[in-house]
Amino acid sequence: MKTYIKLFTLACAFLLLNACNQDYIDSISKVDPGTDESDPVVTVNFPPEGYELQTNDAVASIKIDFKVVDDIEISSISVMMDGSEIVSYNEFKDYRVAMKKYTYDNVTTGQHVLSITATDIDGKSTTKDVNFAKAPPYVPLYEGEVFYMPFNNEFREMNSLSLATAVGSPGFTDGIQGGTAYAGAADAYLTFPSSILQGATAISASFWIKIDDAMDRAGILVLAPPADNNNDRSKGFRFFREASNGGATQRYKLNVGTGSSDSWFDGGAEADVTPNTGEWVHMAFSISETEASVYINGEVVKQGAFDGIDITDCDQISIMSGAPNWTGWDHLSDGSAMDELRIFNKALSQDEIRTLMLKEQASFYMDFNGDFKESLTGTAATVQGSPTFVYGAGVVGDAYMGAANSYLTFSTADVDVQADEFSTSFWLNINNVPDRAGILTMGPEDTENAEYPTKQNNRKSGFRFFREASNAGATQRFKLNVGNGTADTWIDGGEAADVDPTTGNWVHFAFAVSSDKATVYIDGAEVKQGDFDGIDWTGCDLLSIMSGAPRFSAWGHLSDESRMDELYLFKKALTAEEVTLLMNDGM
């Protein structure tokens, strides 16, 4: 056998050599690559333009993935982050195509620019820039918050940054604060591990619903144990809805298990809500060790004594369905919209629920925690001068620190704050140098002013909230001026609006503008209310924070060197009770 193999091998070698000698195989010849005519082409596969890296690490990693193609030969590639080179390449297996991946381990919170420059052997180069950001680590806004899902184009829980498991095809729709919200669909829902509630003896939940009753009954938020009949109510909780009043309304109910039995919290007609109105409705429930309560739009619809919840064997939270663990009575998927879902390992009071609900109705919010971004949209303010921060000494976290010739502006094309009714709430720690200043201004350009653009004072539309020295400089008086389109109205409380600027204390301010009146509050007390025909926004394309400039500068109401924190703007007129809730926020 071995002899045959050797003979076969020798025969093949003879034939191959003979073929080569007889020119049956062409010799290799050099091919001219041609003229180098094109610049290199750089394609960044990741990160995409505008990408936001979400992690709760202070410093994170990002995996950079890109491709370079040249018509002749790549000479070098340089990868830069924010102007500094992080890696370079000058050796390539394929001289025309380079596909590279690189992990960069030093991404800090904020905006970044990734630049990739490719150069060919003829010296021609191409640079591709990609702008991306690292979001700040999520810090729960409220004590006891263990779960928060804002539904901003993904089903991500922010405390853990984990994605929920999506069943079926849930989607997204317009949210309550201008972003997106969960959009329900038939046979669609989310689940999340219940480990976030491990050891909890009290549980609360808060969220918004825009009700669609195409499914005439549905599960909304369920924590139940698996069971053969899918209807074990002895543990966990079930919050759900059912048609009432012949289908004209939907009734919301809570069922909670003690471990050996279940208790019902059914508000009857008080818990009925008209569906398909297109309006957002706030829902909440609170379970303590002694009682449970159900709230709709901040009002108690049912409250009763209770022996305490048992969540043994309850392995998952179901969102917008009773499935998979509680389907015995067909409380399946909900086709409604849901937004701003929060779960707590504590019992919430009614004031806490109302405060939370109120904050989630804001159209603009700045916490000044280390950046000048509007929190709801992520829009960065345009910074004038050199304002800074007072770190860790704000009302909550950090605060804005004013400086001479310094303030913030936002284009009203970027932030949606204008409406027929308008309010604001914020805190100031007052510095009376300078002795007058603008605080919040949204007014039109005053192009007819003889000293335009250095001095502007068109008060016919928008508003101006500012301060001036009073009582020979011993106090600062706070005033509001509002325009109705043809004239302006002064809301000046006189001595009632005077504040001592030397105490070093934080002072709460708010004002509310409705269709017929405007009101100013200081530390929750009404200092002035006046009749008013309704605000006009003509030409008001710029919001100024901590200065009257550039639109209200004629009287010297320029930058404020005070501190500011927790700035909210609302497209509604706040009531005195709501102002008090914001001032006494104990969340």
Protein backbone atom coordinates (compact mmCIF):
# COMPACT_ATOMS: atom_id res chain seq x y z
CA MET A 1 0.00 0.00 0.00
CA LYS A 2 2.82 2.39 0.91
CA THR A 3 4.52 1.63 -2.44
CA TYR A 4 1.41 2.71 -4.38
CA ILE A 5 1.22 6.01 -2.44
CA LYS A 6 4.88 6.84 -3.18
CA LEU A 7 4.44 6.10 -6.88
CA PHE A 8 1.32 8.29 -7.05
CA THR A 9 3.12 11.19 -5.33
CA LEU A 10 6.11 10.98 -7.71
CA ALA A 11 3.77 10.96 -10.70
CA CYS A 12 1.98 14.12 -9.53
CA ALA A 13 5.30 15.89 -8.99
CA PHE A 14 6.49 14.92 -12.50
CA LEU A 15 3.30 16.19 -14.13
CA LEU A 16 3.42 19.51 -12.23
CA LEU A 17 7.06 20.13 -13.15
CA ASN A 18 6.42 19.27 -16.78
CA ALA A 19 3.44 21.64 -16.92
CA CYS A 20 5.56 24.50 -15.56
CA ASN A 21 8.36 23.81 -18.08
CA GLN A 22 5.84 23.92 -20.92
CA ASP A 23 4.47 27.38 -19.80
CA TYR A 24 1.04 26.01 -18.91
CA ILE A 25 1.10 28.37 -15.79
CA ASP A 26 1.74 32.11 -16.33
CA SER A 27 4.57 33.73 -14.38
CA ILE A 28 3.66 36.46 -11.81
CA SER A 29 4.09 39.99 -13.14
CA LYS A 30 3.89 43.40 -11.41
CA VAL A 31 0.65 45.37 -11.95
CA ASP A 32 0.72 49.16 -11.88
CA PRO A 33 -1.69 50.29 -9.12
CA GLY A 34 -2.54 53.43 -11.04
CA THR A 35 -2.79 57.03 -9.94
CA ASP A 36 -3.71 57.83 -6.32
CA GLU A 37 -6.74 59.98 -7.04
CA SER A 38 -9.10 59.67 -4.03
CA ASP A 39 -8.90 60.66 -0.40
CA PRO A 40 -9.27 57.88 2.16
CA VAL A 41 -12.84 57.10 3.22
CA VAL A 42 -13.45 56.82 6.98
CA THR A 43 -16.61 55.10 8.28
CA VAL A 44 -17.35 55.03 12.02
CA ASN A 45 -19.57 52.07 12.88
CA PHE A 46 -19.66 52.91 16.59
CA PRO A 47 -20.37 55.20 18.33
CA PRO A 48 -22.95 56.86 16.06
CA GLU A 49 -23.32 60.63 15.93
CA GLY A 50 -25.21 61.92 18.97
CA TYR A 51 -24.82 58.68 20.94
CA GLU A 52 -25.27 58.92 24.72
CA LEU A 53 -23.34 56.46 26.84
CA GLN A 54 -25.36 55.52 29.91
CA THR A 55 -23.61 54.03 32.90
CA ASN A 56 -23.59 54.66 36.60
CA ASP A 57 -19.79 54.53 36.64
CA ALA A 58 -18.05 57.88 37.06
CA VAL A 59 -15.52 56.89 34.35
CA ALA A 60 -16.60 54.46 31.63
CA SER A 61 -15.34 52.53 28.59
CA ILE A 62 -16.50 52.82 25.01
CA LYS A 63 -15.78 50.40 22.16
CA ILE A 64 -14.74 52.31 19.02
CA ASP A 65 -15.38 50.48 15.73
CA PHE A 66 -14.35 51.99 12.37
CA LYS A 67 -13.28 51.22 8.81
CA VAL A 68 -10.87 53.01 6.45
CA VAL A 69 -10.76 52.43 2.67
CA ASP A 70 -8.29 53.97 0.18
CA ASP A 71 -7.97 53.50 -3.58
CA ILE A 72 -4.21 52.82 -3.44
CA GLU A 73 -2.66 52.42 0.02
CA ILE A 74 -3.30 53.55 3.61
CA SER A 75 -0.23 55.07 5.26
CA SER A 76 -1.46 55.84 8.80
CA ILE A 77 -4.52 56.20 11.01
CA SER A 78 -4.77 58.42 14.10
CA VAL A 79 -7.61 58.12 16.63
CA MET A 80 -8.14 61.16 18.86
CA MET A 81 -10.48 61.88 21.76
CA ASP A 82 -11.19 65.55 22.49
CA GLY A 83 -8.05 66.61 20.61
CA SER A 84 -5.62 64.11 22.17
CA GLU A 85 -4.39 61.01 20.35
CA ILE A 86 -5.38 57.77 22.07
CA VAL A 87 -4.06 55.24 19.50
CA SER A 88 -2.44 55.19 16.04
CA TYR A 89 -1.82 52.58 13.32
CA ASN A 90 0.79 52.42 10.51
CA GLU A 91 0.95 48.70 9.66
CA PHE A 92 -1.89 47.03 7.77
CA LYS A 93 -2.44 43.49 6.48
CA ASP A 94 -4.56 44.86 3.65
CA TYR A 95 -3.02 48.08 2.42
CA ARG A 96 -6.31 49.37 0.97
CA VAL A 97 -8.80 48.39 3.70
CA ALA A 98 -8.40 48.64 7.47
CA MET A 99 -11.08 47.54 9.93
CA LYS A 100 -10.24 48.41 13.52
CA LYS A 101 -11.79 48.11 16.98
CA TYR A 102 -10.40 49.86 20.03
CA THR A 103 -11.67 50.14 23.61
CA TYR A 104 -11.12 53.51 25.26
CA ASP A 105 -11.31 53.32 29.05
CA ASN A 106 -11.38 56.96 30.15
CA VAL A 107 -14.76 58.40 29.14
CA THR A 108 -15.86 60.99 31.69
CA THR A 109 -19.29 62.59 32.10
CA GLY A 110 -20.04 65.23 29.47
CA GLN A 111 -19.68 65.91 25.74
CA HIS A 112 -16.88 64.30 23.71
CA VAL A 113 -15.55 64.42 20.16
CA LEU A 114 -14.05 61.29 18.59
CA SER A 115 -11.83 62.15 15.58
CA ILE A 116 -10.37 59.56 13.21
CA THR A 117 -7.85 60.77 10.64
CA ALA A 118 -6.68 58.47 7.81
CA THR A 119 -3.73 59.41 5.56
CA ASP A 120 -2.72 57.64 2.32
CA ILE A 121 0.79 57.23 0.84
CA ASP A 122 0.27 60.30 -1.33
CA GLY A 123 -0.30 62.46 1.78
CA LYS A 124 -4.01 62.96 1.28
CA SER A 125 -6.03 62.66 4.50
CA THR A 126 -9.61 62.48 5.72
CA THR A 127 -10.91 63.21 9.22
CA LYS A 128 -14.22 61.93 10.51
CA ASP A 129 -15.62 63.54 13.69
CA VAL A 130 -18.31 61.92 15.85
CA ASN A 131 -19.94 63.81 18.72
CA PHE A 132 -21.17 61.71 21.62
CA ALA A 133 -21.79 62.14 25.34
CA LYS A 134 -21.59 60.25 28.58
CA ALA A 135 -24.66 60.82 30.72
CA PRO A 136 -24.04 61.58 34.38
CA PRO A 137 -24.57 58.63 36.72
CA TYR A 138 -28.26 58.37 37.55
CA VAL A 139 -28.95 59.40 41.12
CA PRO A 140 -32.44 58.54 42.42
CA LEU A 141 -34.41 61.73 42.86
CA TYR A 142 -36.40 60.42 45.81
CA GLU A 143 -35.70 58.50 48.98
CA GLY A 144 -36.58 54.83 48.63
CA GLU A 145 -36.75 54.88 44.83
CA VAL A 146 -35.46 51.48 43.64
CA PHE A 147 -36.92 51.47 40.13
CA TYR A 148 -37.35 54.25 37.55
CA MET A 149 -38.30 53.77 33.92
CA PRO A 150 -38.71 56.99 31.86
CA PHE A 151 -39.38 55.05 28.61
CA ASN A 152 -37.07 57.33 26.60
CA ASN A 153 -36.91 55.25 23.42
CA GLU A 154 -35.88 52.18 25.38
CA PHE A 155 -37.19 49.99 28.19
CA ARG A 156 -34.26 50.70 30.53
CA GLU A 157 -34.47 50.88 34.33
CA MET A 158 -32.24 53.76 35.38
CA ASN A 159 -31.04 52.67 38.84
CA SER A 160 -29.53 49.45 37.47
CA LEU A 161 -29.32 50.54 33.81
CA SER A 162 -30.74 47.10 32.97
CA LEU A 163 -33.21 46.56 30.15
CA ALA A 164 -36.58 45.04 30.90
CA THR A 165 -37.59 41.90 29.02
CA ALA A 166 -40.05 42.92 26.31
CA VAL A 167 -42.77 40.42 25.37
CA GLY A 168 -44.62 40.94 22.10
CA SER A 169 -44.26 44.31 20.40
CA PRO A 170 -44.68 47.21 22.82
CA GLY A 171 -43.69 50.57 21.34
CA PHE A 172 -43.29 54.24 22.10
CA THR A 173 -45.47 57.33 21.90
CA ASP A 174 -45.31 60.97 23.02
CA GLY A 175 -44.58 61.30 26.74
CA ILE A 176 -45.90 63.63 29.41
CA GLN A 177 -42.73 65.74 29.55
CA GLY A 178 -41.97 65.98 25.85
CA GLY A 179 -39.96 62.77 25.47
CA THR A 180 -41.40 59.36 24.74
CA ALA A 181 -43.62 56.99 26.71
CA TYR A 182 -44.52 53.29 26.64
CA ALA A 183 -47.16 52.47 23.99
CA GLY A 184 -49.14 49.32 24.75
CA ALA A 185 -50.16 46.71 22.20
CA ALA A 186 -52.06 43.43 22.12
CA ASP A 187 -50.14 40.60 23.83
CA ALA A 188 -47.32 42.99 24.72
CA TYR A 189 -45.79 43.81 28.10
CA LEU A 190 -42.52 44.12 30.03
CA THR A 191 -41.07 42.09 32.88
CA PHE A 192 -38.31 42.92 35.33
CA PRO A 193 -36.69 40.89 38.13
CA SER A 194 -38.31 41.46 41.52
CA SER A 195 -34.93 41.38 43.28
CA ILE A 196 -35.09 45.20 43.50
CA LEU A 197 -37.73 44.70 46.22
CA GLN A 198 -35.94 41.98 48.14
CA GLY A 199 -36.63 42.36 51.84
CA ALA A 200 -39.16 45.16 51.33
CA THR A 201 -41.98 45.38 53.87
CA ALA A 202 -43.48 48.49 52.26
CA ILE A 203 -43.96 49.19 48.53
CA SER A 204 -45.25 52.16 46.55
CA ALA A 205 -45.59 52.91 42.85
CA SER A 206 -46.23 56.09 40.85
CA PHE A 207 -46.84 56.52 37.11
CA TRP A 208 -48.92 58.24 34.44
CA ILE A 209 -51.49 56.54 32.20
CA LYS A 210 -53.18 57.72 29.01
CA ILE A 211 -56.08 55.27 28.93
CA ASP A 212 -57.10 53.26 25.88
CA ASP A 213 -59.91 50.82 26.68
CA ALA A 214 -59.65 48.72 23.51
CA MET A 215 -58.90 45.94 25.99
CA ASP A 216 -61.83 46.34 28.42
CA ARG A 217 -59.75 44.94 31.29
CA ALA A 218 -56.01 44.78 31.80
CA GLY A 219 -53.22 44.28 34.29
CA ILE A 220 -51.08 47.36 34.83
CA LEU A 221 -48.49 46.59 37.50
CA VAL A 222 -48.33 43.08 38.96
CA LEU A 223 -46.01 41.27 41.35
CA ALA A 224 -47.46 37.78 41.77
CA PRO A 225 -46.12 34.27 42.38
CA PRO A 226 -46.41 31.64 39.63
CA ALA A 227 -49.33 29.26 40.16
CA ASP A 228 -51.06 26.47 38.30
CA ASN A 229 -54.24 28.52 37.99
CA ASN A 230 -52.35 31.81 37.44
CA ASN A 231 -54.46 33.40 40.17
CA ASP A 232 -52.57 33.07 43.46
CA ARG A 233 -53.44 36.30 45.26
CA SER A 234 -52.03 35.31 48.65
CA LYS A 235 -48.74 37.12 47.95
CA GLY A 236 -47.52 40.21 46.11
CA PHE A 237 -49.81 42.82 44.58
CA ARG A 238 -51.97 43.31 41.51
CA PHE A 239 -52.95 46.77 40.22
CA PHE A 240 -55.40 46.51 37.33
CA ARG A 241 -58.47 47.96 35.63
CA GLU A 242 -61.90 46.72 34.54
CA ALA A 243 -64.77 48.25 32.58
CA SER A 244 -67.45 49.92 34.72
CA ASN A 245 -70.70 51.83 34.11
CA GLY A 246 -71.55 49.77 31.05
CA GLY A 247 -68.09 50.38 29.57
CA ALA A 248 -68.27 54.16 29.86
CA THR A 249 -65.46 54.20 32.45
CA GLN A 250 -62.56 52.09 33.67
CA ARG A 251 -62.31 51.22 37.39
CA TYR A 252 -58.84 50.87 38.96
CA LYS A 253 -58.31 48.36 41.78
CA LEU A 254 -55.50 47.07 43.98
CA ASN A 255 -55.25 43.56 45.42
CA VAL A 256 -52.51 42.71 47.95
CA GLY A 257 -51.49 39.39 49.52
CA THR A 258 -50.50 38.94 53.18
CA GLY A 259 -49.03 35.47 52.74
CA SER A 260 -52.16 33.63 53.82
CA SER A 261 -54.96 35.73 52.27
CA ASP A 262 -55.56 38.77 50.08
CA SER A 263 -57.10 42.21 50.69
CA TRP A 264 -59.02 44.33 48.19
CA PHE A 265 -58.71 48.10 47.79
CA ASP A 266 -61.57 48.93 45.46
CA GLY A 267 -62.70 52.55 45.48
CA GLY A 268 -65.86 51.88 43.53
CA ALA A 269 -67.13 54.91 41.63
CA GLU A 270 -64.36 57.05 43.16
CA ALA A 271 -61.84 54.98 41.20
CA ASP A 272 -63.63 55.30 37.84
CA VAL A 273 -61.83 57.15 35.05
CA THR A 274 -63.15 58.06 31.60
CA PRO A 275 -60.93 56.47 28.92
CA ASN A 276 -59.86 57.74 25.50
CA THR A 277 -59.78 61.42 26.46
CA GLY A 278 -56.17 61.80 25.33
CA GLU A 279 -55.29 63.19 28.77
CA TRP A 280 -52.63 61.83 31.11
CA VAL A 281 -53.92 60.54 34.46
CA HIS A 282 -51.64 60.05 37.44
CA MET A 283 -51.89 56.75 39.32
CA ALA A 284 -50.23 55.74 42.58
CA PHE A 285 -50.59 53.21 45.35
CA SER A 286 -48.85 52.88 48.68
CA ILE A 287 -48.58 49.73 50.81
CA SER A 288 -47.25 50.04 54.36
CA GLU A 289 -47.10 47.46 57.14
CA THR A 290 -50.51 48.60 58.43
CA GLU A 291 -52.51 50.02 55.52
CA ALA A 292 -52.76 50.41 51.75
CA SER A 293 -53.98 53.38 49.69
CA VAL A 294 -54.85 54.03 46.05
CA TYR A 295 -54.52 57.53 44.54
CA ILE A 296 -55.79 58.96 41.26
CA ASN A 297 -54.50 62.40 40.30
CA GLY A 298 -53.20 62.82 43.84
CA GLU A 299 -56.55 62.13 45.55
CA VAL A 300 -57.25 59.12 47.77
CA VAL A 301 -59.86 56.89 46.12
CA LYS A 302 -59.47 54.01 48.58
CA GLN A 303 -57.60 53.48 51.84
CA GLY A 304 -57.84 50.70 54.38
CA ALA A 305 -56.14 48.74 57.14
CA PHE A 306 -53.87 45.92 56.06
CA ASP A 307 -51.70 43.29 57.80
CA GLY A 308 -48.60 43.77 55.64
CA ILE A 309 -47.43 42.47 52.26
CA ASP A 310 -45.69 39.13 51.66
CA ILE A 311 -43.70 38.88 48.41
CA THR A 312 -42.37 35.33 48.90
CA ASP A 313 -41.93 33.49 45.54
CA CYS A 314 -42.90 36.63 43.58
CA ASP A 315 -40.09 36.40 41.03
CA GLN A 316 -40.90 39.16 38.53
CA ILE A 317 -42.68 42.46 38.08
CA SER A 318 -45.05 42.63 35.12
CA ILE A 319 -45.59 46.05 33.54
CA MET A 320 -48.76 46.74 31.52
CA SER A 321 -50.15 43.21 31.84
CA GLY A 322 -51.07 40.62 34.44
CA ALA A 323 -49.12 38.04 32.42
CA PRO A 324 -47.38 35.79 32.92
CA ASN A 325 -48.24 35.06 36.58
CA TRP A 326 -51.72 36.57 36.94
CA THR A 327 -53.95 35.73 34.00
CA GLY A 328 -56.73 33.70 35.64
CA TRP A 329 -59.30 36.47 35.17
CA ASP A 330 -57.96 37.67 31.79
CA HIS A 331 -56.23 40.80 33.06
CA LEU A 332 -53.83 40.70 30.14
CA SER A 333 -52.01 43.39 28.15
CA ASP A 334 -52.99 47.07 28.31
CA GLY A 335 -53.04 49.10 25.09
CA SER A 336 -52.74 52.36 27.02
CA ALA A 337 -49.68 54.61 27.22
CA MET A 338 -47.55 54.71 30.40
CA ASP A 339 -44.85 57.15 31.47
CA GLU A 340 -42.54 57.96 34.39
CA LEU A 341 -42.88 54.65 36.27
CA ARG A 342 -41.26 54.69 39.72
CA ILE A 343 -41.31 51.96 42.38
CA PHE A 344 -40.27 52.56 46.00
CA ASN A 345 -39.39 50.30 48.91
CA LYS A 346 -41.26 52.64 51.27
CA ALA A 347 -44.80 53.86 51.77
CA LEU A 348 -45.41 57.27 50.19
CA SER A 349 -47.58 59.90 51.88
CA GLN A 350 -50.19 61.84 49.96
CA ASP A 351 -48.05 64.99 50.00
CA GLU A 352 -45.11 63.04 48.61
CA ILE A 353 -47.27 61.68 45.81
CA ARG A 354 -48.65 65.12 44.99
CA THR A 355 -45.16 66.63 44.97
CA LEU A 356 -43.80 63.89 42.74
CA MET A 357 -46.79 64.27 40.43
CA LEU A 358 -46.30 68.05 40.27
CA LYS A 359 -42.61 67.81 39.43
CA GLU A 360 -43.40 65.41 36.59
CA GLN A 361 -45.72 68.02 35.09
CA ALA A 362 -42.85 70.50 34.71
CA SER A 363 -41.85 71.42 31.17
CA PHE A 364 -38.38 72.61 32.20
CA TYR A 365 -36.10 71.61 35.09
CA MET A 366 -32.53 72.50 36.05
CA ASP A 367 -30.91 70.89 39.09
CA PHE A 368 -27.50 72.56 38.51
CA ASN A 369 -25.77 69.38 39.65
CA GLY A 370 -22.42 69.96 38.00
CA ASP A 371 -23.71 71.09 34.60
CA PHE A 372 -25.88 73.72 32.95
CA LYS A 373 -28.18 71.26 31.19
CA GLU A 374 -31.96 71.28 31.16
CA SER A 375 -32.67 67.86 32.65
CA LEU A 376 -35.79 66.84 30.72
CA THR A 377 -34.34 67.30 27.23
CA GLY A 378 -30.61 67.25 27.92
CA THR A 379 -30.30 70.63 26.17
CA ALA A 380 -27.22 72.55 27.27
CA ALA A 381 -27.58 76.23 28.10
CA THR A 382 -25.57 78.85 26.26
CA VAL A 383 -23.18 80.11 28.92
CA GLN A 384 -22.34 83.80 29.06
CA GLY A 385 -19.31 84.81 31.13
CA SER A 386 -18.09 82.49 33.88
CA PRO A 387 -20.84 81.23 36.16
CA THR A 388 -19.78 78.31 38.35
CA PHE A 389 -21.20 75.90 40.91
CA VAL A 390 -21.32 75.69 44.67
CA TYR A 391 -20.73 71.99 45.15
CA GLY A 392 -22.72 70.03 47.69
CA ALA A 393 -24.22 73.13 49.29
CA GLY A 394 -27.35 73.59 47.22
CA VAL A 395 -30.90 72.90 48.31
CA VAL A 396 -30.38 69.51 46.67
CA GLY A 397 -26.82 68.62 45.67
CA ASP A 398 -24.98 71.38 43.82
CA ALA A 399 -26.26 74.86 42.91
CA TYR A 400 -25.65 77.63 40.37
CA MET A 401 -23.12 80.25 41.55
CA GLY A 402 -23.52 83.64 39.90
CA ALA A 403 -20.65 85.86 38.79
CA ALA A 404 -20.23 89.31 37.28
CA ASN A 405 -21.36 89.53 33.64
CA SER A 406 -22.45 85.88 33.75
CA TYR A 407 -25.74 84.16 33.01
CA LEU A 408 -27.40 81.36 31.01
CA THR A 409 -29.69 81.46 28.00
CA PHE A 410 -31.89 78.93 26.19
CA SER A 411 -33.52 79.32 22.81
CA THR A 412 -37.27 78.77 23.12
CA ALA A 413 -36.95 76.67 19.96
CA ASP A 414 -35.01 74.15 22.10
CA VAL A 415 -37.11 74.24 25.29
CA ASP A 416 -40.91 74.11 25.24
CA VAL A 417 -42.07 76.41 28.03
CA GLN A 418 -44.56 78.86 26.51
CA ALA A 419 -48.31 78.42 27.10
CA ASP A 420 -51.43 80.43 27.93
CA GLU A 421 -50.64 79.79 31.59
CA PHE A 422 -47.13 79.82 33.01
CA SER A 423 -45.38 79.35 36.38
CA THR A 424 -41.96 78.94 37.89
CA SER A 425 -40.47 77.72 41.17
CA PHE A 426 -36.87 78.07 42.35
CA TRP A 427 -34.59 78.79 45.31
CA LEU A 428 -32.19 81.72 45.78
CA ASN A 429 -29.42 82.33 48.29
CA ILE A 430 -29.22 86.08 47.83
CA ASN A 431 -26.11 88.16 47.31
CA ASN A 432 -27.02 91.85 46.98
CA VAL A 433 -23.89 92.74 45.02
CA PRO A 434 -24.87 94.11 42.55
CA ASP A 435 -27.75 95.93 44.21
CA ARG A 436 -30.16 95.10 41.36
CA ALA A 437 -30.32 92.16 38.99
CA GLY A 438 -32.48 90.21 36.58
CA ILE A 439 -33.34 86.69 37.68
CA LEU A 440 -35.58 85.21 34.99
CA THR A 441 -36.42 86.97 31.75
CA MET A 442 -38.22 85.97 28.59
CA GLY A 443 -38.87 89.06 26.49
CA PRO A 444 -38.71 90.24 22.87
CA GLU A 445 -35.93 92.21 21.24
CA ASP A 446 -36.29 95.97 21.58
CA THR A 447 -35.02 97.00 18.16
CA GLU A 448 -36.71 100.40 18.38
CA ASN A 449 -34.67 101.43 21.41
CA ALA A 450 -32.27 104.24 20.49
CA GLU A 451 -29.48 102.44 22.36
CA TYR A 452 -30.17 99.00 20.85
CA PRO A 453 -28.61 96.48 21.26
CA THR A 454 -26.79 97.47 24.46
CA LYS A 455 -30.03 98.55 26.14
CA GLN A 456 -33.36 96.80 25.65
CA ASN A 457 -36.68 97.31 27.42
CA ASN A 458 -39.61 96.05 25.36
CA ARG A 459 -42.06 94.90 28.04
CA LYS A 460 -45.16 94.37 25.87
CA SER A 461 -44.82 90.58 25.87
CA GLY A 462 -43.18 87.86 27.94
CA PHE A 463 -42.11 88.39 31.56
CA ARG A 464 -39.32 89.83 33.68
CA PHE A 465 -38.66 88.73 37.27
CA PHE A 466 -36.00 90.80 39.01
CA ARG A 467 -34.80 92.43 42.24
CA GLU A 468 -33.86 95.96 43.35
CA ALA A 469 -32.44 97.44 46.54
CA SER A 470 -35.06 98.75 49.00
CA ASN A 471 -35.00 100.33 52.44
CA ALA A 472 -31.73 102.13 51.64
CA GLY A 473 -30.12 98.86 50.61
CA ALA A 474 -31.03 96.91 53.75
CA THR A 475 -33.35 94.65 51.75
CA GLN A 476 -33.95 93.46 48.20
CA ARG A 477 -37.43 93.85 46.66
CA PHE A 478 -38.59 91.23 44.15
CA LYS A 479 -40.92 92.25 41.31
CA LEU A 480 -42.67 90.68 38.34
CA ASN A 481 -43.51 92.46 35.08
CA VAL A 482 -45.70 90.71 32.47
CA GLY A 483 -46.78 91.73 28.96
CA ASN A 484 -50.14 90.99 27.33
CA GLY A 485 -49.11 91.91 23.77
CA THR A 486 -49.98 95.58 23.89
CA ALA A 487 -49.00 96.70 27.39
CA ASP A 488 -47.28 95.51 30.55
CA THR A 489 -48.57 94.91 34.09
CA TRP A 490 -46.58 95.30 37.31
CA ILE A 491 -46.93 92.75 40.11
CA ASP A 492 -45.05 94.61 42.85
CA GLY A 493 -45.70 93.57 46.43
CA GLY A 494 -43.90 96.52 47.99
CA GLU A 495 -42.60 95.81 51.49
CA ALA A 496 -44.25 92.37 51.48
CA ALA A 497 -41.78 91.40 48.73
CA ASP A 498 -38.67 92.60 50.62
CA VAL A 499 -36.05 90.00 51.61
CA ASP A 500 -33.01 90.41 53.84
CA PRO A 501 -29.99 89.48 51.66
CA THR A 502 -27.55 89.01 54.54
CA THR A 503 -28.91 85.88 56.23
CA GLY A 504 -27.14 83.33 54.02
CA ASN A 505 -30.38 81.32 53.96
CA TRP A 506 -32.11 79.80 50.94
CA VAL A 507 -35.38 81.54 50.03
CA HIS A 508 -38.11 79.96 47.89
CA PHE A 509 -39.64 82.00 45.05
CA ALA A 510 -42.51 81.25 42.73
CA PHE A 511 -44.84 83.12 40.43
CA ALA A 512 -47.91 82.01 38.51
CA VAL A 513 -49.53 83.65 35.49
CA SER A 514 -53.06 82.59 34.52
CA SER A 515 -55.51 84.00 31.97
CA ASP A 516 -56.81 86.61 34.40
CA LYS A 517 -54.23 87.15 37.16
CA ALA A 518 -50.57 86.97 38.11
CA THR A 519 -49.26 86.08 41.57
CA VAL A 520 -45.85 86.22 43.28
CA TYR A 521 -44.94 83.99 46.26
CA ILE A 522 -41.95 84.22 48.60
CA ASP A 523 -41.34 81.29 50.96
CA GLY A 524 -44.82 80.02 50.13
CA ALA A 525 -46.59 83.26 51.10
CA GLU A 526 -48.47 85.32 48.54
CA VAL A 527 -46.80 88.75 48.43
CA LYS A 528 -48.74 90.18 45.49
CA GLN A 529 -51.58 89.23 43.19
CA GLY A 530 -52.94 91.40 40.40
CA ASP A 531 -55.46 91.26 37.59
CA PHE A 532 -53.96 90.50 34.21
CA ASP A 533 -55.30 89.92 30.69
CA GLY A 534 -53.12 86.92 29.85
CA ILE A 535 -49.52 86.58 28.74
CA ASP A 536 -48.39 87.13 25.15
CA TRP A 537 -45.23 85.48 23.81
CA THR A 538 -44.74 87.42 20.57
CA GLY A 539 -41.03 87.73 19.81
CA CYS A 540 -39.98 85.92 23.01
CA ASP A 541 -37.39 83.55 21.60
CA LEU A 542 -34.87 83.59 24.44
CA LEU A 543 -34.97 82.60 28.12
CA SER A 544 -32.35 84.28 30.34
CA ILE A 545 -31.46 82.81 33.73
CA MET A 546 -29.83 84.94 36.44
CA SER A 547 -29.75 88.13 34.38
CA GLY A 548 -32.05 90.50 32.54
CA ALA A 549 -29.56 90.56 29.65
CA PRO A 550 -29.81 90.63 26.78
CA ARG A 551 -33.51 91.55 26.51
CA PHE A 552 -34.09 93.55 29.73
CA SER A 553 -31.00 95.65 30.26
CA ALA A 554 -32.04 99.32 30.00
CA TRP A 555 -32.44 99.78 33.76
CA GLY A 556 -29.32 97.92 34.79
CA HIS A 557 -30.97 94.61 35.75
CA LEU A 558 -27.97 92.60 34.67
CA SER A 559 -26.28 89.48 36.10
CA ASP A 560 -27.12 88.21 39.59
CA GLU A 561 -24.25 86.95 41.72
CA SER A 562 -26.62 85.02 43.99
CA ARG A 563 -26.96 81.24 44.09
CA MET A 564 -29.87 79.45 42.40
CA ASP A 565 -31.13 75.87 42.72
CA GLU A 566 -34.02 73.59 41.67
CA LEU A 567 -35.45 75.71 38.85
CA TYR A 568 -38.80 74.48 37.49
CA LEU A 569 -40.97 75.99 34.74
CA PHE A 570 -44.56 74.87 34.21
CA LYS A 571 -47.08 75.37 31.42
CA LYS A 572 -49.83 75.83 34.01
CA ALA A 573 -50.70 78.29 36.78
CA LEU A 574 -49.55 76.85 40.09
CA THR A 575 -51.98 77.07 43.00
CA ALA A 576 -50.90 78.28 46.42
CA GLU A 577 -51.11 74.68 47.64
CA GLU A 578 -48.82 73.49 44.84
CA VAL A 579 -46.29 76.24 45.61
CA THR A 580 -46.25 75.05 49.22
CA LEU A 581 -45.68 71.45 48.12
CA LEU A 582 -42.65 72.50 46.07
CA MET A 583 -41.29 74.61 48.91
CA ASN A 584 -41.79 71.87 51.51
CA ASP A 585 -40.56 69.11 49.25
CA GLY A 586 -39.71 66.21 51.53
CA MET A 587 -39.25 63.58 48.83
